[in-house]
Amino acid sequence: MCLSVPGKVVGVEGKTVVVDVNGVPRRLESMVDVGAGDFVVVGMGFVMKRISEQDFDALSSTLFPDQCL
């Protein structure tokens, strides 16, 4: 079983997307069209889907409770 985590797109370089996952930049391939500033779900080394900022906040506070204020 894989864990999917929320992230924020900070850059797009062709088909490669740079996503901030809990403060760590990750270079990933995207399965969906995304742009800088989009909130996404990352799993298995891919950007899997776009999500709302509210969903991002909820997922982040659940998975990374020490990082949220």
N, C-alpha and C. Protein backbone atom coordinates (compact mmCIF):
# COMPACT_ATOMS: atom_id res chain seq x y z
N MET A 1 0.84 -1.16 0.00
CA MET A 1 0.00 0.00 0.00
C MET A 1 0.89 1.24 0.00
N CYS A 2 0.48 2.26 -0.74
CA CYS A 2 1.24 3.51 -0.82
C CYS A 2 0.51 4.62 -0.10
N LEU A 3 1.27 5.53 0.43
CA LEU A 3 0.72 6.72 1.08
C LEU A 3 0.79 7.87 0.09
N SER A 4 -0.33 8.54 -0.11
CA SER A 4 -0.35 9.75 -0.94
C SER A 4 -0.31 10.95 -0.01
N VAL A 5 0.42 11.97 -0.40
CA VAL A 5 0.59 13.14 0.45
C VAL A 5 0.27 14.42 -0.32
N PRO A 6 -0.16 15.46 0.39
CA PRO A 6 -0.46 16.73 -0.28
C PRO A 6 0.80 17.54 -0.52
N GLY A 7 0.75 18.37 -1.55
CA GLY A 7 1.87 19.26 -1.86
C GLY A 7 1.38 20.46 -2.63
N LYS A 8 2.29 21.42 -2.84
CA LYS A 8 1.96 22.63 -3.59
C LYS A 8 2.95 22.76 -4.74
N VAL A 9 2.43 22.95 -5.94
CA VAL A 9 3.28 23.09 -7.12
C VAL A 9 3.99 24.44 -7.04
N VAL A 10 5.33 24.39 -7.12
CA VAL A 10 6.12 25.62 -7.08
C VAL A 10 6.78 25.93 -8.42
N GLY A 11 6.70 24.98 -9.36
CA GLY A 11 7.26 25.22 -10.68
C GLY A 11 6.91 24.12 -11.65
N VAL A 12 6.88 24.48 -12.93
CA VAL A 12 6.63 23.51 -13.99
C VAL A 12 7.74 23.68 -15.01
N GLU A 13 8.42 22.57 -15.32
CA GLU A 13 9.52 22.57 -16.28
C GLU A 13 9.24 21.49 -17.32
N GLY A 14 8.48 21.86 -18.34
CA GLY A 14 8.07 20.87 -19.33
C GLY A 14 7.10 19.89 -18.71
N LYS A 15 7.42 18.60 -18.77
CA LYS A 15 6.55 17.59 -18.17
C LYS A 15 6.91 17.30 -16.72
N THR A 16 7.98 17.95 -16.24
CA THR A 16 8.40 17.77 -14.86
C THR A 16 7.80 18.89 -14.02
N VAL A 17 7.29 18.52 -12.86
CA VAL A 17 6.66 19.46 -11.94
C VAL A 17 7.47 19.47 -10.65
N VAL A 18 7.74 20.66 -10.12
CA VAL A 18 8.42 20.78 -8.83
C VAL A 18 7.33 21.04 -7.78
N VAL A 19 7.25 20.14 -6.79
CA VAL A 19 6.22 20.21 -5.77
C VAL A 19 6.86 20.31 -4.40
N ASP A 20 6.39 21.25 -3.59
CA ASP A 20 6.81 21.38 -2.20
C ASP A 20 5.96 20.41 -1.38
N VAL A 21 6.60 19.39 -0.82
CA VAL A 21 5.91 18.41 0.03
C VAL A 21 6.46 18.59 1.44
N ASN A 22 5.69 19.26 2.28
CA ASN A 22 6.08 19.49 3.67
C ASN A 22 7.46 20.14 3.77
N GLY A 23 7.71 21.12 2.89
CA GLY A 23 8.97 21.85 2.92
C GLY A 23 10.10 21.26 2.11
N VAL A 24 9.87 20.12 1.47
CA VAL A 24 10.90 19.46 0.68
C VAL A 24 10.51 19.52 -0.80
N PRO A 25 11.33 20.17 -1.64
CA PRO A 25 11.00 20.21 -3.06
C PRO A 25 11.23 18.84 -3.72
N ARG A 26 10.23 18.41 -4.50
CA ARG A 26 10.33 17.13 -5.20
C ARG A 26 10.09 17.35 -6.68
N ARG A 27 10.92 16.74 -7.54
CA ARG A 27 10.76 16.81 -8.99
C ARG A 27 10.00 15.56 -9.40
N LEU A 28 8.81 15.75 -9.97
CA LEU A 28 7.91 14.64 -10.26
C LEU A 28 7.30 14.78 -11.65
N GLU A 29 6.84 13.67 -12.17
CA GLU A 29 6.03 13.68 -13.38
C GLU A 29 4.58 13.91 -12.95
N SER A 30 3.79 14.55 -13.81
CA SER A 30 2.40 14.82 -13.48
C SER A 30 1.47 14.05 -14.40
N MET A 31 0.41 13.47 -13.80
CA MET A 31 -0.60 12.76 -14.55
C MET A 31 -1.75 13.70 -14.94
N VAL A 32 -1.73 14.93 -14.42
CA VAL A 32 -2.77 15.92 -14.70
C VAL A 32 -2.12 17.25 -15.03
N ASP A 33 -2.87 18.13 -15.69
CA ASP A 33 -2.36 19.47 -15.98
C ASP A 33 -2.39 20.31 -14.71
N VAL A 34 -1.24 20.85 -14.34
CA VAL A 34 -1.14 21.69 -13.15
C VAL A 34 -0.28 22.90 -13.45
N GLY A 35 -0.41 23.91 -12.62
CA GLY A 35 0.39 25.11 -12.75
C GLY A 35 0.93 25.52 -11.40
N ALA A 36 1.86 26.45 -11.40
CA ALA A 36 2.44 26.94 -10.15
C ALA A 36 1.32 27.47 -9.25
N GLY A 37 1.38 27.10 -7.98
CA GLY A 37 0.38 27.53 -7.02
C GLY A 37 -0.74 26.53 -6.79
N ASP A 38 -0.86 25.52 -7.67
CA ASP A 38 -1.90 24.50 -7.49
C ASP A 38 -1.55 23.59 -6.32
N PHE A 39 -2.59 23.12 -5.64
CA PHE A 39 -2.43 22.14 -4.58
C PHE A 39 -2.72 20.77 -5.18
N VAL A 40 -1.89 19.78 -4.83
CA VAL A 40 -1.98 18.48 -5.48
C VAL A 40 -1.79 17.35 -4.47
N VAL A 41 -2.12 16.14 -4.93
CA VAL A 41 -1.83 14.92 -4.18
C VAL A 41 -0.73 14.19 -4.93
N VAL A 42 0.31 13.80 -4.19
CA VAL A 42 1.47 13.11 -4.74
C VAL A 42 1.48 11.68 -4.22
N GLY A 43 1.68 10.73 -5.12
CA GLY A 43 1.79 9.33 -4.73
C GLY A 43 2.56 8.55 -5.76
N MET A 44 3.35 7.61 -5.33
CA MET A 44 4.13 6.72 -6.20
C MET A 44 5.03 7.50 -7.17
N GLY A 45 5.49 8.67 -6.74
CA GLY A 45 6.40 9.45 -7.57
C GLY A 45 5.74 10.29 -8.65
N PHE A 46 4.42 10.43 -8.58
CA PHE A 46 3.67 11.19 -9.57
C PHE A 46 2.73 12.18 -8.89
N VAL A 47 2.44 13.28 -9.58
CA VAL A 47 1.33 14.14 -9.18
C VAL A 47 0.08 13.46 -9.70
N MET A 48 -0.82 13.09 -8.79
CA MET A 48 -1.97 12.28 -9.18
C MET A 48 -3.25 13.08 -9.43
N LYS A 49 -3.45 14.16 -8.65
CA LYS A 49 -4.65 14.97 -8.87
C LYS A 49 -4.52 16.33 -8.21
N ARG A 50 -5.29 17.29 -8.71
CA ARG A 50 -5.39 18.61 -8.09
C ARG A 50 -6.42 18.54 -6.98
N ILE A 51 -6.20 19.32 -5.91
CA ILE A 51 -7.15 19.41 -4.81
C ILE A 51 -7.34 20.87 -4.42
N SER A 52 -8.38 21.13 -3.65
CA SER A 52 -8.63 22.50 -3.19
C SER A 52 -7.68 22.86 -2.05
N GLU A 53 -7.55 24.14 -1.78
CA GLU A 53 -6.71 24.58 -0.67
C GLU A 53 -7.26 24.06 0.66
N GLN A 54 -8.58 23.97 0.78
CA GLN A 54 -9.19 23.45 2.00
C GLN A 54 -8.82 21.98 2.20
N ASP A 55 -8.86 21.19 1.13
CA ASP A 55 -8.47 19.78 1.24
C ASP A 55 -6.98 19.66 1.56
N PHE A 56 -6.16 20.54 0.96
CA PHE A 56 -4.74 20.55 1.26
C PHE A 56 -4.50 20.81 2.74
N ASP A 57 -5.18 21.82 3.29
CA ASP A 57 -5.02 22.15 4.71
C ASP A 57 -5.45 20.99 5.61
N ALA A 58 -6.57 20.35 5.27
CA ALA A 58 -7.06 19.23 6.07
C ALA A 58 -6.10 18.05 6.03
N LEU A 59 -5.62 17.71 4.85
CA LEU A 59 -4.67 16.60 4.73
C LEU A 59 -3.35 16.90 5.42
N SER A 60 -2.85 18.12 5.25
CA SER A 60 -1.58 18.51 5.86
C SER A 60 -1.66 18.46 7.38
N SER A 61 -2.75 18.96 7.94
CA SER A 61 -2.86 18.97 9.40
C SER A 61 -3.01 17.56 9.96
N THR A 62 -3.55 16.64 9.17
CA THR A 62 -3.68 15.25 9.60
C THR A 62 -2.35 14.51 9.49
N LEU A 63 -1.66 14.68 8.37
CA LEU A 63 -0.42 13.94 8.12
C LEU A 63 0.80 14.56 8.78
N PHE A 64 0.81 15.88 8.90
CA PHE A 64 1.97 16.60 9.44
C PHE A 64 1.54 17.53 10.59
N PRO A 65 0.97 17.00 11.67
CA PRO A 65 0.40 17.86 12.72
C PRO A 65 1.43 18.77 13.39
N ASP A 66 2.68 18.37 13.45
CA ASP A 66 3.71 19.21 14.09
C ASP A 66 4.11 20.39 13.23
N GLN A 67 3.77 20.36 11.94
CA GLN A 67 4.18 21.42 11.02
C GLN A 67 3.11 22.49 10.86
N CYS A 68 1.89 22.22 11.33
CA CYS A 68 0.76 23.15 11.13
C CYS A 68 0.57 24.02 12.36
N LEU A 69 0.19 25.25 12.11
CA LEU A 69 -0.08 26.18 13.21
C LEU A 69 -1.55 26.30 13.46
